[in-house]
Amino acid sequence: MVDNKINEYYNNVEVKLEDIVDKLLKSKVNDHDNILLNVQCLIEKVFIRSAMKLSDNNVSKASKLLGINRNTLSKKVKEIQNTNRRPQKKSHR
């Protein structure tokens, strides 16, 4: 029963992602946009934030939830924190 529910979640994510990807690719502004890399980074950030939240910011527990090494997760958490602290570049329009 649990496996069926998990498969259903994966299927739902795939369907929604396909819709989002279609929209992103159709709206691609120029050849310098690296849509795949940007989406990969965003998804990773969302998973890390959720795992940290579910584990009450316990890196060891969060790394087990994500199936990655604790040191790798610590590094990625620091990268996310540094990215969030960095001032955003102003666009020149």
N, C-alpha and C. Protein backbone atom coordinates (compact mmCIF):
# COMPACT_ATOMS: atom_id res chain seq x y z
N MET A 1 0.82 -1.20 0.00
CA MET A 1 0.00 0.00 0.00
C MET A 1 0.86 1.26 0.00
N VAL A 2 1.90 1.25 0.85
CA VAL A 2 2.78 2.41 0.93
C VAL A 2 3.51 2.61 -0.39
N ASP A 3 4.00 1.51 -1.00
CA ASP A 3 4.70 1.61 -2.28
C ASP A 3 3.80 2.19 -3.36
N ASN A 4 2.52 1.81 -3.37
CA ASN A 4 1.59 2.35 -4.35
C ASN A 4 1.42 3.86 -4.17
N LYS A 5 1.35 4.30 -2.92
CA LYS A 5 1.20 5.72 -2.64
C LYS A 5 2.43 6.50 -3.09
N ILE A 6 3.60 5.94 -2.82
CA ILE A 6 4.85 6.59 -3.23
C ILE A 6 4.92 6.67 -4.76
N ASN A 7 4.56 5.58 -5.44
CA ASN A 7 4.54 5.60 -6.91
C ASN A 7 3.57 6.64 -7.42
N GLU A 8 2.44 6.78 -6.76
CA GLU A 8 1.46 7.80 -7.15
C GLU A 8 2.05 9.20 -7.00
N TYR A 9 2.79 9.43 -5.91
CA TYR A 9 3.44 10.73 -5.71
C TYR A 9 4.44 11.01 -6.83
N TYR A 10 5.26 10.01 -7.16
CA TYR A 10 6.24 10.17 -8.24
C TYR A 10 5.54 10.47 -9.56
N ASN A 11 4.46 9.77 -9.84
CA ASN A 11 3.72 10.01 -11.08
C ASN A 11 3.15 11.42 -11.11
N ASN A 12 2.61 11.88 -9.99
CA ASN A 12 2.08 13.24 -9.92
C ASN A 12 3.16 14.28 -10.15
N VAL A 13 4.32 14.06 -9.54
CA VAL A 13 5.44 14.98 -9.72
C VAL A 13 5.86 15.01 -11.19
N GLU A 14 5.93 13.84 -11.80
CA GLU A 14 6.36 13.77 -13.20
C GLU A 14 5.39 14.53 -14.11
N VAL A 15 4.10 14.34 -13.90
CA VAL A 15 3.10 15.02 -14.73
C VAL A 15 3.19 16.53 -14.55
N LYS A 16 3.30 16.97 -13.32
CA LYS A 16 3.38 18.41 -13.07
C LYS A 16 4.68 18.99 -13.60
N LEU A 17 5.78 18.26 -13.42
CA LEU A 17 7.06 18.74 -13.93
C LEU A 17 7.05 18.85 -15.45
N GLU A 18 6.43 17.90 -16.12
CA GLU A 18 6.37 17.97 -17.58
C GLU A 18 5.66 19.24 -18.03
N ASP A 19 4.59 19.59 -17.34
CA ASP A 19 3.87 20.82 -17.68
C ASP A 19 4.73 22.04 -17.44
N ILE A 20 5.40 22.08 -16.31
CA ILE A 20 6.27 23.21 -15.97
C ILE A 20 7.43 23.31 -16.96
N VAL A 21 8.04 22.17 -17.28
CA VAL A 21 9.17 22.15 -18.22
C VAL A 21 8.73 22.66 -19.59
N ASP A 22 7.58 22.21 -20.05
CA ASP A 22 7.07 22.70 -21.34
C ASP A 22 6.97 24.22 -21.34
N LYS A 23 6.41 24.76 -20.27
CA LYS A 23 6.24 26.21 -20.18
C LYS A 23 7.59 26.93 -20.11
N LEU A 24 8.51 26.38 -19.34
CA LEU A 24 9.84 26.99 -19.23
C LEU A 24 10.57 26.98 -20.57
N LEU A 25 10.53 25.85 -21.25
CA LEU A 25 11.23 25.76 -22.53
C LEU A 25 10.61 26.67 -23.58
N LYS A 26 9.31 26.79 -23.58
CA LYS A 26 8.64 27.68 -24.53
C LYS A 26 8.93 29.14 -24.25
N SER A 27 9.22 29.46 -22.99
CA SER A 27 9.47 30.85 -22.63
C SER A 27 10.96 31.20 -22.56
N LYS A 28 11.81 30.28 -22.98
CA LYS A 28 13.25 30.51 -22.90
C LYS A 28 13.60 31.79 -23.64
N VAL A 29 14.27 32.68 -22.92
CA VAL A 29 14.56 34.00 -23.44
C VAL A 29 15.72 33.99 -24.43
N ASN A 30 16.80 33.32 -24.08
CA ASN A 30 17.96 33.31 -24.97
C ASN A 30 18.76 32.02 -24.79
N ASP A 31 19.77 31.86 -25.61
CA ASP A 31 20.58 30.64 -25.57
C ASP A 31 21.48 30.55 -24.35
N HIS A 32 21.58 31.63 -23.60
CA HIS A 32 22.44 31.63 -22.42
C HIS A 32 21.71 31.13 -21.18
N ASP A 33 20.39 30.97 -21.27
CA ASP A 33 19.61 30.43 -20.16
C ASP A 33 19.96 28.95 -20.02
N ASN A 34 20.35 28.54 -18.82
CA ASN A 34 20.61 27.12 -18.57
C ASN A 34 19.45 26.60 -17.73
N ILE A 35 18.34 26.36 -18.39
CA ILE A 35 17.10 25.99 -17.71
C ILE A 35 17.28 24.71 -16.90
N LEU A 36 17.90 23.70 -17.48
CA LEU A 36 18.06 22.43 -16.78
C LEU A 36 18.83 22.61 -15.48
N LEU A 37 19.95 23.30 -15.54
CA LEU A 37 20.76 23.51 -14.34
C LEU A 37 20.00 24.33 -13.30
N ASN A 38 19.30 25.37 -13.74
CA ASN A 38 18.53 26.19 -12.82
C ASN A 38 17.45 25.39 -12.11
N VAL A 39 16.75 24.54 -12.85
CA VAL A 39 15.68 23.73 -12.26
C VAL A 39 16.27 22.67 -11.32
N GLN A 40 17.38 22.07 -11.72
CA GLN A 40 18.03 21.08 -10.85
C GLN A 40 18.42 21.72 -9.51
N CYS A 41 19.00 22.91 -9.57
CA CYS A 41 19.40 23.61 -8.34
C CYS A 41 18.18 23.95 -7.48
N LEU A 42 17.12 24.38 -8.14
CA LEU A 42 15.91 24.73 -7.41
C LEU A 42 15.30 23.51 -6.72
N ILE A 43 15.22 22.41 -7.44
CA ILE A 43 14.64 21.19 -6.86
C ILE A 43 15.50 20.71 -5.70
N GLU A 44 16.81 20.74 -5.86
CA GLU A 44 17.71 20.34 -4.79
C GLU A 44 17.49 21.22 -3.56
N LYS A 45 17.38 22.51 -3.77
CA LYS A 45 17.16 23.44 -2.67
C LYS A 45 15.85 23.14 -1.93
N VAL A 46 14.80 22.87 -2.68
CA VAL A 46 13.50 22.57 -2.08
C VAL A 46 13.58 21.28 -1.26
N PHE A 47 14.22 20.25 -1.81
CA PHE A 47 14.35 18.99 -1.08
C PHE A 47 15.17 19.17 0.20
N ILE A 48 16.25 19.92 0.10
CA ILE A 48 17.10 20.13 1.28
C ILE A 48 16.36 20.91 2.35
N ARG A 49 15.68 21.97 1.96
CA ARG A 49 14.92 22.75 2.94
C ARG A 49 13.85 21.90 3.62
N SER A 50 13.16 21.09 2.84
CA SER A 50 12.10 20.24 3.40
C SER A 50 12.68 19.18 4.34
N ALA A 51 13.79 18.56 3.93
CA ALA A 51 14.41 17.54 4.77
C ALA A 51 14.92 18.15 6.08
N MET A 52 15.49 19.34 5.99
CA MET A 52 15.98 20.00 7.20
C MET A 52 14.82 20.36 8.12
N LYS A 53 13.73 20.79 7.53
CA LYS A 53 12.54 21.14 8.33
C LYS A 53 11.97 19.90 9.01
N LEU A 54 11.84 18.81 8.25
CA LEU A 54 11.28 17.57 8.81
C LEU A 54 12.17 16.97 9.89
N SER A 55 13.46 17.23 9.81
CA SER A 55 14.41 16.67 10.78
C SER A 55 14.77 17.65 11.88
N ASP A 56 14.03 18.75 11.97
CA ASP A 56 14.33 19.79 12.97
C ASP A 56 15.78 20.27 12.85
N ASN A 57 16.22 20.48 11.61
CA ASN A 57 17.57 20.97 11.29
C ASN A 57 18.70 20.04 11.74
N ASN A 58 18.39 18.75 11.85
CA ASN A 58 19.41 17.76 12.18
C ASN A 58 19.98 17.24 10.86
N VAL A 59 21.22 17.59 10.60
CA VAL A 59 21.85 17.26 9.32
C VAL A 59 21.94 15.75 9.12
N SER A 60 22.26 15.01 10.16
CA SER A 60 22.37 13.55 10.03
C SER A 60 21.03 12.93 9.63
N LYS A 61 19.97 13.35 10.30
CA LYS A 61 18.64 12.82 9.98
C LYS A 61 18.21 13.25 8.58
N ALA A 62 18.46 14.51 8.24
CA ALA A 62 18.07 15.02 6.93
C ALA A 62 18.84 14.29 5.83
N SER A 63 20.12 14.02 6.06
CA SER A 63 20.91 13.32 5.04
C SER A 63 20.37 11.91 4.81
N LYS A 64 19.90 11.28 5.87
CA LYS A 64 19.30 9.94 5.72
C LYS A 64 17.99 10.02 4.94
N LEU A 65 17.19 11.06 5.20
CA LEU A 65 15.95 11.24 4.44
C LEU A 65 16.24 11.41 2.95
N LEU A 66 17.29 12.15 2.65
CA LEU A 66 17.63 12.45 1.26
C LEU A 66 18.45 11.35 0.59
N GLY A 67 19.05 10.49 1.41
CA GLY A 67 19.88 9.42 0.86
C GLY A 67 21.23 9.91 0.38
N ILE A 68 21.74 10.97 1.04
CA ILE A 68 23.07 11.48 0.68
C ILE A 68 23.95 11.53 1.92
N ASN A 69 25.24 11.69 1.70
CA ASN A 69 26.21 11.76 2.79
C ASN A 69 25.99 13.02 3.62
N ARG A 70 26.19 12.90 4.92
CA ARG A 70 26.00 14.03 5.84
C ARG A 70 26.91 15.20 5.49
N ASN A 71 28.17 14.91 5.15
CA ASN A 71 29.10 15.98 4.79
C ASN A 71 28.67 16.70 3.52
N THR A 72 28.15 15.94 2.57
CA THR A 72 27.65 16.54 1.33
C THR A 72 26.49 17.47 1.63
N LEU A 73 25.58 17.01 2.48
CA LEU A 73 24.43 17.85 2.84
C LEU A 73 24.88 19.10 3.57
N SER A 74 25.81 18.98 4.50
CA SER A 74 26.32 20.16 5.22
C SER A 74 26.87 21.19 4.25
N LYS A 75 27.62 20.72 3.26
CA LYS A 75 28.20 21.61 2.26
C LYS A 75 27.09 22.31 1.46
N LYS A 76 26.09 21.56 1.07
CA LYS A 76 25.00 22.11 0.28
C LYS A 76 24.16 23.10 1.09
N VAL A 77 23.95 22.82 2.37
CA VAL A 77 23.21 23.74 3.24
C VAL A 77 23.95 25.06 3.34
N LYS A 78 25.26 25.00 3.51
CA LYS A 78 26.06 26.23 3.58
C LYS A 78 25.99 27.01 2.26
N GLU A 79 26.03 26.30 1.14
CA GLU A 79 25.93 26.96 -0.17
C GLU A 79 24.58 27.67 -0.32
N ILE A 80 23.52 27.00 0.12
CA ILE A 80 22.19 27.60 0.04
C ILE A 80 22.12 28.84 0.92
N GLN A 81 22.66 28.74 2.13
CA GLN A 81 22.64 29.88 3.05
C GLN A 81 23.44 31.05 2.47
N ASN A 82 24.58 30.77 1.86
CA ASN A 82 25.39 31.83 1.26
C ASN A 82 24.70 32.46 0.07
N THR A 83 24.00 31.66 -0.71
CA THR A 83 23.27 32.18 -1.87
C THR A 83 22.14 33.08 -1.41
N ASN A 84 21.47 32.70 -0.33
CA ASN A 84 20.35 33.49 0.18
C ASN A 84 20.82 34.81 0.79
N ARG A 85 22.03 34.85 1.28
CA ARG A 85 22.56 36.08 1.91
C ARG A 85 23.14 37.04 0.89
N ARG A 86 23.52 36.52 -0.26
CA ARG A 86 24.14 37.33 -1.29
C ARG A 86 23.13 38.32 -1.85
N PRO A 87 23.50 39.59 -1.96
CA PRO A 87 22.56 40.56 -2.53
C PRO A 87 22.28 40.23 -3.99
N GLN A 88 21.04 40.38 -4.38
CA GLN A 88 20.63 40.12 -5.75
C GLN A 88 21.13 41.21 -6.67
N LYS A 89 21.57 40.83 -7.86
CA LYS A 89 22.01 41.81 -8.84
C LYS A 89 20.79 42.54 -9.38
N LYS A 90 20.94 43.83 -9.52
CA LYS A 90 19.85 44.63 -10.08
C LYS A 90 19.88 44.49 -11.59
N SER A 91 18.69 44.33 -12.15
CA SER A 91 18.63 44.22 -13.61
C SER A 91 18.60 45.62 -14.20
N HIS A 92 19.23 45.75 -15.33
CA HIS A 92 19.27 47.04 -16.04
C HIS A 92 18.26 46.99 -17.17
N ARG A 93 17.08 47.48 -16.93
CA ARG A 93 16.03 47.45 -17.96
C ARG A 93 15.72 48.82 -18.43
